[in-house]
């Protein structure tokens, strides 16, 4: 093979030239392809790499290296390539005869090349109607051939231009979005890529724009930067808007331009209606248009539901409650009784309260009463785990909100709910649990599907952390005072026996948890350094807990920690716990991705909503794996670049290009734990950033445990968390809308 390539300086890669003999396998989602490659010396080898839309007859120069696969033998792994359009009549004939262009087979290919010779490709691209001169080609077919030829040429041009700055997967998404216009769209304004194409952020688009010569103060860059700051703050900090001055300061720092210039462009965007402004007192708040419309819709629909619901007569409600108490041999506490009355007599009702205060008892009562009235009830929660827990506690079917709304998928990056304002839910009563987790956009979609006249009952612990996604919906609804709200405060006797619940309420009230009570369900292991905390957490999982409770307990443990960083953070703990609980082995496949290694048997978490991925549950199939879903890696198929994962009872195949959506989940952050409960929770109390050591963060972590909490760390860190009642600051517009906020400029 030595005469088929030349040694080059591209990081030790070798240069090969030849043509595609045949395509063995092609993944349309990420472009991964296995093909027979005919080298210029006549030898045919098997090659692999990310080469989307490859066709038999394609001429290429590739850069790669030889690798040995235990199953498939020696292969050429391609890292870079350059398409070379055939220039001779013989090469053109071979390319067209391969079926690379729709509508052309070997016979027609021979006639076309015989007619036009070396001008064939020029004719096909620029004058396809001339192909009708060839026997067997009508004018309509000629134009279709030209369209397909230009499409493939456009894909090649897009791949050549975008592969290096954006990667093959993003380039495929661009081509699917804009087709042959992808190059023109991106060159005209690279910053549209941030909004339209998943996987392309502002930094990548900005670097690409600079390479095209866009000025630092160009209007396209300034508009893109302002949008980027709003989007980044929604994703990272949960804001649905920003004060005008804050936005200008942030955008100026991000873009490296004067604040006055940002202010001018911001005013233009507001004047064009591309951004929206509401006055909060004298301070203008700036929104992206869609976010503004979502919060406005939420406020309007809540008001409509509260107005249009037909409430039951109070005497009739009392009779229902009395029959319930008699039938089940219980007496509802005063606030529980009030919650039942308010839920039946209000269009919108909020039920909140800490652990052990009887929220589930109220929900069970409402289900029985509404069912006895002949009303249809929907039970839902934001996550699969929360929905499963709700179903178990109420003995009734509960769905995720996505499933309730009949999620579907139509095109790239666009999720569609089949239940909406044009196809409302059939149920007369909609009960949503874990409302503190529900973000602005999901709640807006839910409200669109709730029919006027229905009861909407929102349940959650308002003292937990706000949603991971943008907004602070439950908090804003309660603070508005517009809707019936009952907060349960009495901790019932059975719950009082749990030190988990006792300590949760002590933490909520600003008191130190009881740390030295033995023989219960809450334990404290004092440690004096962060490294000792991490070592103890690993020892608990590997030795102490399995020895005391049996090996099966390992699968029921969840480490919940304040941060990704530090020795007690998820990054470090996941490395330690992976090595401890699922060490490398010759019998376990693994795959390195960036700074992580994924291994068969690993516990992993999905960290963003993916509406495109397909799952299977036996014969049943569905779409979507969502932020916070936890699974186990069953297999890793390196040759096919596929990883199989089981999320509860759903089996999913992940392409390697999707691995940025996964994290190891032996240890997770408190935010990621919301809506889930675990038999055993271990909480590292280590010296993280003060802004992370808050009371409601510790409270949220403790309330995730069903049977046991083990707090590992420093007493002064626990005390600092209890003392720090700092609430997460979120700029949102829902409260302003509920209060009748006004537009401003």
Foldseek 3Di string as FASTA:
>chain_A
DVVQWDFDDPVRWIKGWFFFQAWDDADLQQQWTWTWTQTPVRDTFIEIERHHLHFGLWIKIFIFDWDQDPVPGIYTYTDDMATDDDQFLVSQLRRQCRCSFPPGHNVLSVQQCVVQPRCSLVCLQPPQQVSCVGPPAHSVNSVSRSVRSLQVVLLSVLCVLCCVLQNRNQSSQLCVVPGSCSVVVCLVAVLVCCVRTPRDHLVSSVVSNVVSPDDLLDLSNLVSLLVRVCVVCQQFFQFQWAWPVVSLVVSCVVSVHDSVSSVVSVVVCCVVVQWFWFDPPPIIIIGGNVSVVLLLLLLVLQVQQQVQAAADDLVVLVVLQVVVCVVVVHDDDPLLSVQLRQLRGGSEEEEAEDPQLCPLVSVLSNVVSCVVVVFFEAAEEQDPQLQVVSCVSNVHHHYHLCVQQPWDDDDPPDIDRPQFLVHAHPGQEYEYEACQQDASVSVSRNSRRHDRNGHYYYYHHLLAAHHSGHDRPVVLVVVLVPGHYGYRYDRDDVRVQALLRVQLVCLVVLHFRDAPDPDHFEHEAADDALQVLLVVVLCCLQPDVCVVPNPVCNVQEFEAELACDDCSHPVNSLVSNCCRPPNDDPPWDWDDDVPDIGIQFFKKFFQAKDQAWKKDQDPDIHGIDHHLFIWGWHHADPVQQWTWIQRPRIITIDHVVCCVRMDGGSYDYLNSLRSAATQEYEYEQHDDPLVRLASSSVSSRSSNHDGHYYYYYHPVSSSSRSNHHDGSDYHYCSSCSSVPIRTDD
